[in-house]
Amino acid sequence: MPLPLAHRSPVLPSLPLLPAPPPPHPALTILSSAAGSHPHSRGLFSFASTTLILSLYNTGARGITVPNVVVGMAIFCGGLAQILAGMWEFATGNTFGATAFTSFGAFWASYATILIPGSGIAAAYAAAATEQEPSALGIYLITWMIVTFFFLIAALRKNITFVALFFLLMITFLLLAAAEFSGHVSVQKAGGVVGVITAFIAYYAGLSELLGPEDAFTLPLGTRIAKRYN
């Protein structure tokens, strides 16, 4: 006996099959894989290498007083490589690493611009009636000391290695700024020595991030100093 119309199941029209989504763009695949393969180590090694070279110049190593060889490192290694590492850190959701790497990548790029003759920055101060360049550089370095202090506060929730890194980097900026304001070469050399120590701490942190349980040994980064309380 057929069911009344009210009790019959409605016949649904068949839905067309949706086309398969296109494969991801190769560039996105590369970016995703790069983001998951230690971008912080790339950024730390780039920062450490550029910092080490300039800090050795600041100490007067081998009688070097003109630091312009560091320009290439500051543009491509300290600048571009760190900014790219920061972008990869954004992809992993690491706000601290992304902000730190892009900030200091921009610092190195801006510092290189100061040393490039074609930028006209040094020439503008040479044409000034009074000696203003040391004071301008001192203010520039003090500004980055303040930025580094903010990163030091955030690093308190990371580990002891990053606390030491940002603390010594802050002292480096302070000493170099004081050298510009005072004109004392000894203060500049002291800033260079602290900068060398900072660079090796950054190397240590970068290597620690590269080593994993499958390696013969690992390097500890230390425990965090401060904790967030809700």
C-alpha atoms as a PDB file:
ATOM      1  CA  MET A   1       0.000   0.000   0.000  1.00  0.00           C
ATOM      2  CA  PRO A   2       1.589   3.318  -0.979  1.00  0.00           C
ATOM      3  CA  LEU A   3       2.230   5.857   1.768  1.00  0.00           C
ATOM      4  CA  PRO A   4       0.301   9.081   1.805  1.00  0.00           C
ATOM      5  CA  LEU A   5       2.125  12.011   0.276  1.00  0.00           C
ATOM      6  CA  ALA A   6       2.673  13.529   3.717  1.00  0.00           C
ATOM      7  CA  HIS A   7       4.685  10.485   4.817  1.00  0.00           C
ATOM      8  CA  ARG A   8       6.766   9.995   1.732  1.00  0.00           C
ATOM      9  CA  SER A   9      10.470  10.825   1.972  1.00  0.00           C
ATOM     10  CA  PRO A  10      11.363  13.666  -0.318  1.00  0.00           C
ATOM     11  CA  VAL A  11      13.613  12.809  -3.198  1.00  0.00           C
ATOM     12  CA  LEU A  12      16.679  15.045  -3.014  1.00  0.00           C
ATOM     13  CA  PRO A  13      18.355  16.020  -6.229  1.00  0.00           C
ATOM     14  CA  SER A  14      21.863  14.716  -6.578  1.00  0.00           C
ATOM     15  CA  LEU A  15      24.497  17.356  -5.910  1.00  0.00           C
ATOM     16  CA  PRO A  16      27.241  17.815  -8.476  1.00  0.00           C
ATOM     17  CA  LEU A  17      30.698  16.766  -7.353  1.00  0.00           C
ATOM     18  CA  LEU A  18      32.884  19.697  -6.446  1.00  0.00           C
ATOM     19  CA  PRO A  19      36.223  19.871  -8.215  1.00  0.00           C
ATOM     20  CA  ALA A  20      39.270  18.980  -6.150  1.00  0.00           C
ATOM     21  CA  PRO A  21      41.078  22.007  -4.713  1.00  0.00           C
ATOM     22  CA  PRO A  22      44.168  23.019  -6.651  1.00  0.00           C
ATOM     23  CA  PRO A  23      47.541  22.062  -5.167  1.00  0.00           C
ATOM     24  CA  PRO A  24      49.232  24.753  -3.074  1.00  0.00           C
ATOM     25  CA  HIS A  25      51.513  27.140  -4.851  1.00  0.00           C
ATOM     26  CA  PRO A  26      55.134  25.956  -4.749  1.00  0.00           C
ATOM     27  CA  ALA A  27      56.200  29.192  -3.068  1.00  0.00           C
ATOM     28  CA  LEU A  28      53.749  28.565  -0.217  1.00  0.00           C
ATOM     29  CA  THR A  29      55.050  25.033   0.172  1.00  0.00           C
ATOM     30  CA  ILE A  30      58.610  26.294   0.377  1.00  0.00           C
ATOM     31  CA  LEU A  31      57.625  28.962   2.895  1.00  0.00           C
ATOM     32  CA  SER A  32      55.776  26.444   5.048  1.00  0.00           C
ATOM     33  CA  SER A  33      58.672  24.003   5.069  1.00  0.00           C
ATOM     34  CA  ALA A  34      61.152  26.783   5.762  1.00  0.00           C
ATOM     35  CA  ALA A  35      59.069  28.022   8.672  1.00  0.00           C
ATOM     36  CA  GLY A  36      59.239  24.605  10.272  1.00  0.00           C
ATOM     37  CA  SER A  37      63.010  24.189   9.892  1.00  0.00           C
ATOM     38  CA  HIS A  38      64.601  26.339  12.588  1.00  0.00           C
ATOM     39  CA  PRO A  39      64.175  29.915  11.291  1.00  0.00           C
ATOM     40  CA  HIS A  40      65.408  31.132  14.693  1.00  0.00           C
ATOM     41  CA  SER A  41      68.779  29.455  14.101  1.00  0.00           C
ATOM     42  CA  ARG A  42      69.126  31.290  10.765  1.00  0.00           C
ATOM     43  CA  GLY A  43      68.317  34.583  12.425  1.00  0.00           C
ATOM     44  CA  LEU A  44      70.640  34.006  15.386  1.00  0.00           C
ATOM     45  CA  PHE A  45      73.586  32.963  13.212  1.00  0.00           C
ATOM     46  CA  SER A  46      73.063  35.974  10.933  1.00  0.00           C
ATOM     47  CA  PHE A  47      72.870  38.318  13.904  1.00  0.00           C
ATOM     48  CA  ALA A  48      75.892  36.731  15.595  1.00  0.00           C
ATOM     49  CA  SER A  49      78.122  36.833  12.509  1.00  0.00           C
ATOM     50  CA  THR A  50      77.427  40.480  11.727  1.00  0.00           C
ATOM     51  CA  THR A  51      77.759  41.491  15.384  1.00  0.00           C
ATOM     52  CA  LEU A  52      81.042  39.622  15.720  1.00  0.00           C
ATOM     53  CA  ILE A  53      82.628  41.328  12.706  1.00  0.00           C
ATOM     54  CA  LEU A  54      81.626  44.849  13.727  1.00  0.00           C
ATOM     55  CA  SER A  55      82.529  44.236  17.371  1.00  0.00           C
ATOM     56  CA  LEU A  56      86.020  43.089  16.396  1.00  0.00           C
ATOM     57  CA  TYR A  57      86.387  46.300  14.398  1.00  0.00           C
ATOM     58  CA  ASN A  58      85.245  48.283  17.438  1.00  0.00           C
ATOM     59  CA  THR A  59      87.944  46.652  19.547  1.00  0.00           C
ATOM     60  CA  GLY A  60      90.536  47.819  17.020  1.00  0.00           C
ATOM     61  CA  ALA A  61      91.482  44.287  16.014  1.00  0.00           C
ATOM     62  CA  ARG A  62      94.400  44.225  13.535  1.00  0.00           C
ATOM     63  CA  GLY A  63      94.480  48.027  13.643  1.00  0.00           C
ATOM     64  CA  ILE A  64      91.176  48.352  11.755  1.00  0.00           C
ATOM     65  CA  THR A  65      89.479  51.716  12.249  1.00  0.00           C
ATOM     66  CA  VAL A  66      87.254  51.845   9.147  1.00  0.00           C
ATOM     67  CA  PRO A  67      84.312  49.414   9.537  1.00  0.00           C
ATOM     68  CA  ASN A  68      82.898  49.652   6.002  1.00  0.00           C
ATOM     69  CA  VAL A  69      83.645  46.008   5.135  1.00  0.00           C
ATOM     70  CA  VAL A  70      80.720  45.152   7.397  1.00  0.00           C
ATOM     71  CA  VAL A  71      78.295  46.916   5.029  1.00  0.00           C
ATOM     72  CA  GLY A  72      77.729  43.821   2.892  1.00  0.00           C
ATOM     73  CA  MET A  73      77.171  41.673   5.982  1.00  0.00           C
ATOM     74  CA  ALA A  74      74.842  44.253   7.488  1.00  0.00           C
ATOM     75  CA  ILE A  75      72.691  44.447   4.347  1.00  0.00           C
ATOM     76  CA  PHE A  76      72.408  40.792   3.419  1.00  0.00           C
ATOM     77  CA  CYS A  77      73.237  38.729   6.502  1.00  0.00           C
ATOM     78  CA  GLY A  78      72.346  40.939   9.458  1.00  0.00           C
ATOM     79  CA  GLY A  79      69.600  42.693   7.513  1.00  0.00           C
ATOM     80  CA  LEU A  80      67.901  40.619   4.817  1.00  0.00           C
ATOM     81  CA  ALA A  81      68.500  37.184   6.388  1.00  0.00           C
ATOM     82  CA  GLN A  82      67.151  38.309   9.755  1.00  0.00           C
ATOM     83  CA  ILE A  83      64.081  39.929   8.229  1.00  0.00           C
ATOM     84  CA  LEU A  84      63.346  36.709   6.328  1.00  0.00           C
ATOM     85  CA  ALA A  85      63.831  34.725   9.537  1.00  0.00           C
ATOM     86  CA  GLY A  86      61.368  37.076  11.202  1.00  0.00           C
ATOM     87  CA  MET A  87      58.802  36.461   8.468  1.00  0.00           C
ATOM     88  CA  TRP A  88      59.214  32.698   8.911  1.00  0.00           C
ATOM     89  CA  GLU A  89      58.779  33.148  12.651  1.00  0.00           C
ATOM     90  CA  PHE A  90      55.471  34.907  11.959  1.00  0.00           C
ATOM     91  CA  ALA A  91      54.431  31.820   9.984  1.00  0.00           C
ATOM     92  CA  THR A  92      55.125  29.629  13.033  1.00  0.00           C
ATOM     93  CA  GLY A  93      53.231  31.962  15.376  1.00  0.00           C
ATOM     94  CA  ASN A  94      56.347  32.999  17.334  1.00  0.00           C
ATOM     95  CA  THR A  95      55.635  36.678  17.957  1.00  0.00           C
ATOM     96  CA  PHE A  96      58.762  37.240  20.060  1.00  0.00           C
ATOM     97  CA  GLY A  97      61.127  35.777  17.468  1.00  0.00           C
ATOM     98  CA  ALA A  98      59.350  37.494  14.597  1.00  0.00           C
ATOM     99  CA  THR A  99      59.501  40.902  16.272  1.00  0.00           C
ATOM    100  CA  ALA A 100      63.113  40.523  17.391  1.00  0.00           C
ATOM    101  CA  PHE A 101      64.482  39.315  14.050  1.00  0.00           C
ATOM    102  CA  THR A 102      62.632  41.872  11.924  1.00  0.00           C
ATOM    103  CA  SER A 103      63.583  44.675  14.322  1.00  0.00           C
ATOM    104  CA  PHE A 104      67.289  43.895  14.403  1.00  0.00           C
ATOM    105  CA  GLY A 105      67.275  43.072  10.710  1.00  0.00           C
ATOM    106  CA  ALA A 106      65.987  46.590  10.147  1.00  0.00           C
ATOM    107  CA  PHE A 107      68.669  47.905  12.517  1.00  0.00           C
ATOM    108  CA  TRP A 108      71.466  46.335  10.505  1.00  0.00           C
ATOM    109  CA  ALA A 109      70.001  47.547   7.227  1.00  0.00           C
ATOM    110  CA  SER A 110      69.740  51.084   8.605  1.00  0.00           C
ATOM    111  CA  TYR A 111      73.287  50.957   9.993  1.00  0.00           C
ATOM    112  CA  ALA A 112      74.620  49.831   6.629  1.00  0.00           C
ATOM    113  CA  THR A 113      72.817  52.753   4.993  1.00  0.00           C
ATOM    114  CA  ILE A 114      74.698  55.164   7.265  1.00  0.00           C
ATOM    115  CA  LEU A 115      78.045  53.738   6.109  1.00  0.00           C
ATOM    116  CA  ILE A 116      77.207  53.738   2.380  1.00  0.00           C
ATOM    117  CA  PRO A 117      78.667  56.933   0.833  1.00  0.00           C
ATOM    118  CA  GLY A 118      75.893  57.107  -1.753  1.00  0.00           C
ATOM    119  CA  SER A 119      73.281  57.531   0.975  1.00  0.00           C
ATOM    120  CA  GLY A 120      74.597  61.040   1.615  1.00  0.00           C
ATOM    121  CA  ILE A 121      74.193  60.693   5.384  1.00  0.00           C
ATOM    122  CA  ALA A 122      77.864  61.082   6.277  1.00  0.00           C
ATOM    123  CA  ALA A 123      78.263  63.850   3.675  1.00  0.00           C
ATOM    124  CA  ALA A 124      75.405  65.807   5.245  1.00  0.00           C
ATOM    125  CA  TYR A 125      77.219  65.874   8.595  1.00  0.00           C
ATOM    126  CA  ALA A 126      80.541  66.686   6.956  1.00  0.00           C
ATOM    127  CA  ALA A 127      78.954  69.801   5.469  1.00  0.00           C
ATOM    128  CA  ALA A 128      77.479  70.908   8.814  1.00  0.00           C
ATOM    129  CA  ALA A 129      78.974  73.925  10.546  1.00  0.00           C
ATOM    130  CA  THR A 130      79.391  72.070  13.856  1.00  0.00           C
ATOM    131  CA  GLU A 131      80.402  68.505  14.718  1.00  0.00           C
ATOM    132  CA  GLN A 132      77.049  66.772  14.981  1.00  0.00           C
ATOM    133  CA  GLU A 133      77.603  63.244  13.693  1.00  0.00           C
ATOM    134  CA  PRO A 134      78.893  61.702  16.978  1.00  0.00           C
ATOM    135  CA  SER A 135      75.917  63.050  18.913  1.00  0.00           C
ATOM    136  CA  ALA A 136      73.514  61.878  16.204  1.00  0.00           C
ATOM    137  CA  LEU A 137      75.045  58.400  16.266  1.00  0.00           C
ATOM    138  CA  GLY A 138      74.902  58.405  20.057  1.00  0.00           C
ATOM    139  CA  ILE A 139      71.172  59.136  20.022  1.00  0.00           C
ATOM    140  CA  TYR A 140      70.726  56.440  17.362  1.00  0.00           C
ATOM    141  CA  LEU A 141      72.495  53.867  19.550  1.00  0.00           C
ATOM    142  CA  ILE A 142      70.674  54.930  22.714  1.00  0.00           C
ATOM    143  CA  THR A 143      67.374  54.407  20.906  1.00  0.00           C
ATOM    144  CA  TRP A 144      68.370  50.846  20.080  1.00  0.00           C
ATOM    145  CA  MET A 145      69.509  50.327  23.654  1.00  0.00           C
ATOM    146  CA  ILE A 146      65.956  51.186  24.751  1.00  0.00           C
ATOM    147  CA  VAL A 147      64.467  48.793  22.182  1.00  0.00           C
ATOM    148  CA  THR A 148      66.816  46.057  23.409  1.00  0.00           C
ATOM    149  CA  PHE A 149      65.730  46.720  26.994  1.00  0.00           C
ATOM    150  CA  PHE A 150      62.125  46.027  25.981  1.00  0.00           C
ATOM    151  CA  PHE A 151      63.216  42.735  24.421  1.00  0.00           C
ATOM    152  CA  LEU A 152      65.121  41.948  27.625  1.00  0.00           C
ATOM    153  CA  ILE A 153      61.899  42.285  29.619  1.00  0.00           C
ATOM    154  CA  ALA A 154      60.120  39.899  27.246  1.00  0.00           C
ATOM    155  CA  ALA A 155      63.077  37.488  27.354  1.00  0.00           C
ATOM    156  CA  LEU A 156      62.594  36.997  31.102  1.00  0.00           C
ATOM    157  CA  ARG A 157      59.825  34.527  30.210  1.00  0.00           C
ATOM    158  CA  LYS A 158      62.040  32.682  27.717  1.00  0.00           C
ATOM    159  CA  ASN A 159      65.298  31.314  29.115  1.00  0.00           C
ATOM    160  CA  ILE A 160      68.561  32.401  30.716  1.00  0.00           C
ATOM    161  CA  THR A 161      70.474  32.346  27.416  1.00  0.00           C
ATOM    162  CA  PHE A 162      68.183  34.913  25.804  1.00  0.00           C
ATOM    163  CA  VAL A 163      68.235  37.035  28.959  1.00  0.00           C
ATOM    164  CA  ALA A 164      72.046  37.096  28.838  1.00  0.00           C
ATOM    165  CA  LEU A 165      71.972  37.814  25.098  1.00  0.00           C
ATOM    166  CA  PHE A 166      69.695  40.849  25.320  1.00  0.00           C
ATOM    167  CA  PHE A 167      71.301  42.133  28.516  1.00  0.00           C
ATOM    168  CA  LEU A 168      74.786  42.136  27.003  1.00  0.00           C
ATOM    169  CA  LEU A 169      73.462  43.572  23.739  1.00  0.00           C
ATOM    170  CA  MET A 170      71.878  46.403  25.720  1.00  0.00           C
ATOM    171  CA  ILE A 171      75.228  47.057  27.450  1.00  0.00           C
ATOM    172  CA  THR A 172      76.942  47.004  24.050  1.00  0.00           C
ATOM    173  CA  PHE A 173      74.636  49.711  22.712  1.00  0.00           C
ATOM    174  CA  LEU A 174      75.122  51.729  25.901  1.00  0.00           C
ATOM    175  CA  LEU A 175      78.916  51.618  25.708  1.00  0.00           C
ATOM    176  CA  LEU A 176      79.002  52.441  22.003  1.00  0.00           C
ATOM    177  CA  ALA A 177      76.646  55.369  22.559  1.00  0.00           C
ATOM    178  CA  ALA A 178      78.814  56.599  25.432  1.00  0.00           C
ATOM    179  CA  ALA A 179      81.853  56.341  23.152  1.00  0.00           C
ATOM    180  CA  GLU A 180      80.144  58.533  20.560  1.00  0.00           C
ATOM    181  CA  PHE A 181      79.130  61.116  23.165  1.00  0.00           C
ATOM    182  CA  SER A 182      82.510  61.188  24.950  1.00  0.00           C
ATOM    183  CA  GLY A 183      84.901  60.441  22.115  1.00  0.00           C
ATOM    184  CA  HIS A 184      86.866  57.971  24.263  1.00  0.00           C
ATOM    185  CA  VAL A 185      88.304  55.138  22.192  1.00  0.00           C
ATOM    186  CA  SER A 186      88.652  52.965  25.304  1.00  0.00           C
ATOM    187  CA  VAL A 187      84.875  53.036  25.814  1.00  0.00           C
ATOM    188  CA  GLN A 188      84.369  52.000  22.175  1.00  0.00           C
ATOM    189  CA  LYS A 189      86.796  49.106  22.662  1.00  0.00           C
ATOM    190  CA  ALA A 190      84.900  48.048  25.786  1.00  0.00           C
ATOM    191  CA  GLY A 191      81.688  48.054  23.741  1.00  0.00           C
ATOM    192  CA  GLY A 192      83.432  45.935  21.133  1.00  0.00           C
ATOM    193  CA  VAL A 193      84.522  43.370  23.732  1.00  0.00           C
ATOM    194  CA  VAL A 194      80.995  43.070  25.137  1.00  0.00           C
ATOM    195  CA  GLY A 195      79.694  42.816  21.570  1.00  0.00           C
ATOM    196  CA  VAL A 196      82.030  39.878  20.871  1.00  0.00           C
ATOM    197  CA  ILE A 197      80.691  38.078  23.948  1.00  0.00           C
ATOM    198  CA  THR A 198      77.141  38.847  22.799  1.00  0.00           C
ATOM    199  CA  ALA A 199      77.867  37.359  19.377  1.00  0.00           C
ATOM    200  CA  PHE A 200      79.132  34.083  20.846  1.00  0.00           C
ATOM    201  CA  ILE A 201      76.068  33.806  23.082  1.00  0.00           C
ATOM    202  CA  ALA A 202      73.927  34.223  19.950  1.00  0.00           C
ATOM    203  CA  TYR A 203      75.991  31.494  18.235  1.00  0.00           C
ATOM    204  CA  TYR A 204      75.396  29.239  21.253  1.00  0.00           C
ATOM    205  CA  ALA A 205      71.647  29.884  21.187  1.00  0.00           C
ATOM    206  CA  GLY A 206      71.475  29.236  17.444  1.00  0.00           C
ATOM    207  CA  LEU A 207      73.402  25.976  17.728  1.00  0.00           C
ATOM    208  CA  SER A 208      71.240  24.888  20.664  1.00  0.00           C
ATOM    209  CA  GLU A 209      68.138  25.346  18.528  1.00  0.00           C
ATOM    210  CA  LEU A 210      69.687  23.240  15.738  1.00  0.00           C
ATOM    211  CA  LEU A 211      70.576  20.282  17.956  1.00  0.00           C
ATOM    212  CA  GLY A 212      67.838  17.820  18.814  1.00  0.00           C
ATOM    213  CA  PRO A 213      67.338  14.490  20.631  1.00  0.00           C
ATOM    214  CA  GLU A 214      68.628  12.618  17.577  1.00  0.00           C
ATOM    215  CA  ASP A 215      72.038  14.348  17.815  1.00  0.00           C
ATOM    216  CA  ALA A 216      74.984  13.175  19.893  1.00  0.00           C
ATOM    217  CA  PHE A 217      74.522  16.008  22.388  1.00  0.00           C
ATOM    218  CA  THR A 218      72.381  19.051  23.056  1.00  0.00           C
ATOM    219  CA  LEU A 219      73.041  22.495  24.504  1.00  0.00           C
ATOM    220  CA  PRO A 220      70.749  23.716  27.278  1.00  0.00           C
ATOM    221  CA  LEU A 221      69.288  27.199  27.059  1.00  0.00           C
ATOM    222  CA  GLY A 222      68.443  27.366  30.759  1.00  0.00           C
ATOM    223  CA  THR A 223      65.153  27.880  32.508  1.00  0.00           C
ATOM    224  CA  ARG A 224      62.932  30.918  32.395  1.00  0.00           C
ATOM    225  CA  ILE A 225      63.381  33.553  35.102  1.00  0.00           C
ATOM    226  CA  ALA A 226      59.876  35.016  35.248  1.00  0.00           C
ATOM    227  CA  LYS A 227      56.482  33.427  34.739  1.00  0.00           C
ATOM    228  CA  ARG A 228      53.215  34.956  33.580  1.00  0.00           C
ATOM    229  CA  TYR A 229      50.487  34.985  36.178  1.00  0.00           C
ATOM    230  CA  ASN A 230      46.861  35.337  35.131  1.00  0.00           C
END
